[in-house]
Amino acid sequence: MTSSQESVLSTYETDDSPASKLIRKSKDAPFVPLGLAGLTGIVAYGLYKLKHRGDTKMSVHLIHMRVGAQGFVVGALTCGVLYSMYKEYWGKPKE
């Protein structure tokens, strides 16, 4: 990372704007941006399928979207827990 990038990140760290909070959260937990991207993707896919759902009932469509979103959340949480376990137990050098 260059010094200009570090200075930009350090100004965001002292700032309390939503962008700075997202950058700080991304450094602490790298799966937060992945979760946000997944949420955006699922919403976009759901809106597309809502328009092109054909003869499928609205309730069935919404149930499928809810199951897909819950599956993504469970997968993201599992990856986050595994990543934090790796950092805590296996990623540390032996003392």
N, C-alpha and C. Protein backbone atom coordinates (compact mmCIF):
# COMPACT_ATOMS: atom_id res chain seq x y z
N MET A 1 0.85 -1.16 0.00
CA MET A 1 0.00 0.00 0.00
C MET A 1 0.90 1.23 0.00
N THR A 2 0.60 2.18 -0.85
CA THR A 2 1.42 3.38 -0.94
C THR A 2 1.06 4.35 0.17
N SER A 3 1.91 5.36 0.34
CA SER A 3 1.67 6.33 1.41
C SER A 3 0.42 7.17 1.14
N SER A 4 0.11 7.43 -0.13
CA SER A 4 -1.10 8.21 -0.43
C SER A 4 -2.36 7.41 -0.08
N GLN A 5 -2.33 6.10 -0.33
CA GLN A 5 -3.46 5.27 0.05
C GLN A 5 -3.60 5.20 1.56
N GLU A 6 -2.47 5.11 2.27
CA GLU A 6 -2.53 5.07 3.72
C GLU A 6 -3.05 6.37 4.30
N SER A 7 -2.68 7.51 3.69
CA SER A 7 -3.17 8.78 4.20
C SER A 7 -4.67 8.93 3.97
N VAL A 8 -5.15 8.42 2.83
CA VAL A 8 -6.59 8.48 2.56
C VAL A 8 -7.33 7.60 3.56
N LEU A 9 -6.80 6.40 3.81
CA LEU A 9 -7.45 5.51 4.77
C LEU A 9 -7.39 6.08 6.18
N SER A 10 -6.30 6.74 6.54
CA SER A 10 -6.21 7.29 7.89
C SER A 10 -7.19 8.45 8.07
N THR A 11 -7.47 9.23 7.01
CA THR A 11 -8.47 10.29 7.15
C THR A 11 -9.86 9.70 7.28
N TYR A 12 -10.12 8.58 6.61
CA TYR A 12 -11.41 7.93 6.76
C TYR A 12 -11.57 7.31 8.14
N GLU A 13 -10.47 6.85 8.74
CA GLU A 13 -10.56 6.24 10.05
C GLU A 13 -10.95 7.25 11.12
N THR A 14 -10.55 8.50 10.97
CA THR A 14 -10.91 9.51 11.96
C THR A 14 -12.28 10.09 11.68
N ASP A 15 -12.74 10.00 10.45
CA ASP A 15 -14.05 10.52 10.08
C ASP A 15 -15.13 9.57 10.58
N ASP A 16 -16.35 10.07 10.78
CA ASP A 16 -17.45 9.24 11.27
C ASP A 16 -18.58 9.15 10.24
N SER A 17 -18.22 9.23 8.96
CA SER A 17 -19.22 9.13 7.90
C SER A 17 -19.52 7.65 7.62
N PRO A 18 -20.62 7.37 6.92
CA PRO A 18 -20.93 5.98 6.59
C PRO A 18 -19.84 5.30 5.76
N ALA A 19 -19.19 6.04 4.87
CA ALA A 19 -18.11 5.44 4.07
C ALA A 19 -16.93 5.03 4.96
N SER A 20 -16.61 5.87 5.94
CA SER A 20 -15.49 5.53 6.82
C SER A 20 -15.84 4.34 7.70
N LYS A 21 -17.09 4.26 8.13
CA LYS A 21 -17.51 3.11 8.93
C LYS A 21 -17.42 1.82 8.12
N LEU A 22 -17.80 1.90 6.84
CA LEU A 22 -17.72 0.72 5.98
C LEU A 22 -16.28 0.30 5.76
N ILE A 23 -15.38 1.25 5.57
CA ILE A 23 -13.97 0.92 5.37
C ILE A 23 -13.38 0.29 6.63
N ARG A 24 -13.70 0.87 7.79
CA ARG A 24 -13.21 0.29 9.04
C ARG A 24 -13.77 -1.11 9.26
N LYS A 25 -15.04 -1.29 8.99
CA LYS A 25 -15.67 -2.60 9.15
C LYS A 25 -15.07 -3.60 8.18
N SER A 26 -14.72 -3.15 6.97
CA SER A 26 -14.12 -4.03 5.98
C SER A 26 -12.76 -4.52 6.42
N LYS A 27 -12.02 -3.67 7.11
CA LYS A 27 -10.71 -4.08 7.59
C LYS A 27 -10.85 -5.06 8.76
N ASP A 28 -11.84 -4.84 9.62
CA ASP A 28 -12.04 -5.72 10.77
C ASP A 28 -12.67 -7.05 10.36
N ALA A 29 -13.69 -6.98 9.53
CA ALA A 29 -14.42 -8.18 9.10
C ALA A 29 -14.60 -8.12 7.59
N PRO A 30 -13.74 -8.80 6.84
CA PRO A 30 -13.79 -8.69 5.38
C PRO A 30 -15.04 -9.28 4.74
N PHE A 31 -15.88 -9.95 5.51
CA PHE A 31 -17.09 -10.53 4.93
C PHE A 31 -18.27 -9.57 4.93
N VAL A 32 -18.11 -8.38 5.53
CA VAL A 32 -19.18 -7.38 5.49
C VAL A 32 -19.44 -6.91 4.06
N PRO A 33 -18.41 -6.52 3.29
CA PRO A 33 -18.69 -6.15 1.89
C PRO A 33 -19.25 -7.31 1.08
N LEU A 34 -18.82 -8.52 1.38
CA LEU A 34 -19.36 -9.69 0.69
C LEU A 34 -20.85 -9.84 1.00
N GLY A 35 -21.23 -9.62 2.25
CA GLY A 35 -22.64 -9.68 2.62
C GLY A 35 -23.47 -8.61 1.94
N LEU A 36 -22.91 -7.41 1.86
CA LEU A 36 -23.62 -6.32 1.19
C LEU A 36 -23.77 -6.60 -0.31
N ALA A 37 -22.73 -7.15 -0.90
CA ALA A 37 -22.81 -7.50 -2.32
C ALA A 37 -23.83 -8.62 -2.55
N GLY A 38 -23.85 -9.58 -1.65
CA GLY A 38 -24.83 -10.66 -1.75
C GLY A 38 -26.26 -10.16 -1.60
N LEU A 39 -26.46 -9.26 -0.66
CA LEU A 39 -27.78 -8.66 -0.47
C LEU A 39 -28.21 -7.93 -1.74
N THR A 40 -27.32 -7.14 -2.30
CA THR A 40 -27.64 -6.41 -3.53
C THR A 40 -27.95 -7.37 -4.67
N GLY A 41 -27.16 -8.42 -4.78
CA GLY A 41 -27.39 -9.40 -5.83
C GLY A 41 -28.71 -10.13 -5.69
N ILE A 42 -29.05 -10.52 -4.47
CA ILE A 42 -30.31 -11.24 -4.25
C ILE A 42 -31.50 -10.33 -4.52
N VAL A 43 -31.42 -9.07 -4.10
CA VAL A 43 -32.51 -8.13 -4.36
C VAL A 43 -32.67 -7.89 -5.86
N ALA A 44 -31.54 -7.70 -6.55
CA ALA A 44 -31.62 -7.49 -8.00
C ALA A 44 -32.19 -8.71 -8.72
N TYR A 45 -31.74 -9.89 -8.33
CA TYR A 45 -32.26 -11.13 -8.93
C TYR A 45 -33.74 -11.29 -8.63
N GLY A 46 -34.15 -10.98 -7.40
CA GLY A 46 -35.55 -11.09 -7.03
C GLY A 46 -36.44 -10.14 -7.82
N LEU A 47 -35.96 -8.92 -8.01
CA LEU A 47 -36.74 -7.96 -8.81
C LEU A 47 -36.84 -8.40 -10.26
N TYR A 48 -35.76 -8.94 -10.80
CA TYR A 48 -35.79 -9.43 -12.18
C TYR A 48 -36.77 -10.59 -12.31
N LYS A 49 -36.68 -11.54 -11.38
CA LYS A 49 -37.56 -12.70 -11.44
C LYS A 49 -39.01 -12.33 -11.15
N LEU A 50 -39.22 -11.27 -10.37
CA LEU A 50 -40.58 -10.83 -10.09
C LEU A 50 -41.27 -10.38 -11.38
N LYS A 51 -40.52 -9.72 -12.22
CA LYS A 51 -41.08 -9.24 -13.49
C LYS A 51 -41.30 -10.40 -14.47
N HIS A 52 -40.45 -11.41 -14.42
CA HIS A 52 -40.50 -12.51 -15.39
C HIS A 52 -40.88 -13.83 -14.71
N ARG A 53 -41.78 -13.80 -13.76
CA ARG A 53 -42.07 -15.02 -13.01
C ARG A 53 -43.08 -15.93 -13.69
N GLY A 54 -43.77 -15.45 -14.69
CA GLY A 54 -44.73 -16.27 -15.44
C GLY A 54 -45.97 -16.57 -14.62
N ASP A 55 -46.32 -17.86 -14.51
CA ASP A 55 -47.54 -18.26 -13.81
C ASP A 55 -47.33 -18.50 -12.32
N THR A 56 -46.13 -18.29 -11.83
CA THR A 56 -45.84 -18.54 -10.41
C THR A 56 -46.57 -17.52 -9.54
N LYS A 57 -47.17 -18.03 -8.45
CA LYS A 57 -47.87 -17.14 -7.52
C LYS A 57 -46.87 -16.23 -6.82
N MET A 58 -47.34 -15.08 -6.40
CA MET A 58 -46.48 -14.12 -5.69
C MET A 58 -45.97 -14.71 -4.38
N SER A 59 -46.81 -15.41 -3.64
CA SER A 59 -46.40 -15.96 -2.35
C SER A 59 -45.28 -17.00 -2.53
N VAL A 60 -45.37 -17.82 -3.55
CA VAL A 60 -44.33 -18.82 -3.80
C VAL A 60 -43.03 -18.13 -4.19
N HIS A 61 -43.13 -17.08 -5.00
CA HIS A 61 -41.94 -16.33 -5.40
C HIS A 61 -41.26 -15.70 -4.18
N LEU A 62 -42.04 -15.10 -3.30
CA LEU A 62 -41.47 -14.47 -2.11
C LEU A 62 -40.86 -15.49 -1.16
N ILE A 63 -41.47 -16.66 -1.05
CA ILE A 63 -40.89 -17.72 -0.21
C ILE A 63 -39.55 -18.16 -0.78
N HIS A 64 -39.47 -18.32 -2.08
CA HIS A 64 -38.20 -18.72 -2.70
C HIS A 64 -37.12 -17.66 -2.49
N MET A 65 -37.49 -16.40 -2.61
CA MET A 65 -36.51 -15.33 -2.39
C MET A 65 -36.05 -15.30 -0.93
N ARG A 66 -36.98 -15.52 -0.01
CA ARG A 66 -36.61 -15.52 1.40
C ARG A 66 -35.67 -16.68 1.72
N VAL A 67 -35.94 -17.85 1.18
CA VAL A 67 -35.08 -19.00 1.40
C VAL A 67 -33.69 -18.75 0.81
N GLY A 68 -33.64 -18.16 -0.37
CA GLY A 68 -32.35 -17.84 -0.98
C GLY A 68 -31.57 -16.84 -0.15
N ALA A 69 -32.24 -15.82 0.35
CA ALA A 69 -31.56 -14.81 1.17
C ALA A 69 -31.07 -15.42 2.48
N GLN A 70 -31.89 -16.24 3.11
CA GLN A 70 -31.48 -16.88 4.36
C GLN A 70 -30.31 -17.83 4.13
N GLY A 71 -30.33 -18.54 3.03
CA GLY A 71 -29.20 -19.42 2.72
C GLY A 71 -27.91 -18.65 2.52
N PHE A 72 -28.01 -17.51 1.87
CA PHE A 72 -26.82 -16.70 1.68
C PHE A 72 -26.29 -16.18 3.01
N VAL A 73 -27.20 -15.75 3.88
CA VAL A 73 -26.78 -15.23 5.19
C VAL A 73 -26.10 -16.33 6.00
N VAL A 74 -26.66 -17.51 6.02
CA VAL A 74 -26.06 -18.61 6.76
C VAL A 74 -24.68 -18.95 6.19
N GLY A 75 -24.56 -18.96 4.87
CA GLY A 75 -23.27 -19.22 4.24
C GLY A 75 -22.24 -18.16 4.56
N ALA A 76 -22.65 -16.88 4.52
CA ALA A 76 -21.72 -15.79 4.83
C ALA A 76 -21.29 -15.84 6.30
N LEU A 77 -22.23 -16.13 7.21
CA LEU A 77 -21.88 -16.24 8.62
C LEU A 77 -20.92 -17.41 8.86
N THR A 78 -21.16 -18.52 8.20
CA THR A 78 -20.27 -19.68 8.34
C THR A 78 -18.87 -19.35 7.85
N CYS A 79 -18.78 -18.70 6.70
CA CYS A 79 -17.46 -18.30 6.18
C CYS A 79 -16.78 -17.31 7.12
N GLY A 80 -17.53 -16.38 7.68
CA GLY A 80 -16.96 -15.42 8.62
C GLY A 80 -16.43 -16.08 9.88
N VAL A 81 -17.18 -17.03 10.42
CA VAL A 81 -16.74 -17.74 11.62
C VAL A 81 -15.50 -18.58 11.31
N LEU A 82 -15.50 -19.26 10.18
CA LEU A 82 -14.33 -20.06 9.82
C LEU A 82 -13.10 -19.18 9.61
N TYR A 83 -13.29 -18.01 9.00
CA TYR A 83 -12.18 -17.09 8.79
C TYR A 83 -11.63 -16.58 10.12
N SER A 84 -12.52 -16.21 11.04
CA SER A 84 -12.04 -15.72 12.33
C SER A 84 -11.38 -16.83 13.13
N MET A 85 -11.87 -18.06 13.01
CA MET A 85 -11.21 -19.19 13.68
C MET A 85 -9.82 -19.41 13.10
N TYR A 86 -9.72 -19.30 11.78
CA TYR A 86 -8.42 -19.47 11.14
C TYR A 86 -7.45 -18.40 11.62
N LYS A 87 -7.90 -17.14 11.65
CA LYS A 87 -7.02 -16.06 12.11
C LYS A 87 -6.61 -16.26 13.56
N GLU A 88 -7.54 -16.73 14.38
CA GLU A 88 -7.28 -16.84 15.81
C GLU A 88 -6.38 -18.03 16.14
N TYR A 89 -6.62 -19.18 15.53
CA TYR A 89 -5.93 -20.39 15.95
C TYR A 89 -4.81 -20.84 15.02
N TRP A 90 -5.01 -20.78 13.72
CA TRP A 90 -4.02 -21.29 12.79
C TRP A 90 -3.19 -20.20 12.14
N GLY A 91 -3.69 -19.00 12.05
CA GLY A 91 -2.99 -17.92 11.37
C GLY A 91 -1.90 -17.28 12.21
N LYS A 92 -1.97 -17.45 13.53
CA LYS A 92 -0.96 -16.86 14.40
C LYS A 92 0.32 -17.66 14.35
N PRO A 93 1.47 -16.98 14.40
CA PRO A 93 2.72 -17.73 14.48
C PRO A 93 2.85 -18.37 15.86
N LYS A 94 3.54 -19.49 15.90
CA LYS A 94 3.75 -20.21 17.16
C LYS A 94 4.60 -19.38 18.10
N GLU A 95 4.19 -19.34 19.35
CA GLU A 95 4.94 -18.55 20.35
C GLU A 95 5.92 -19.41 21.09
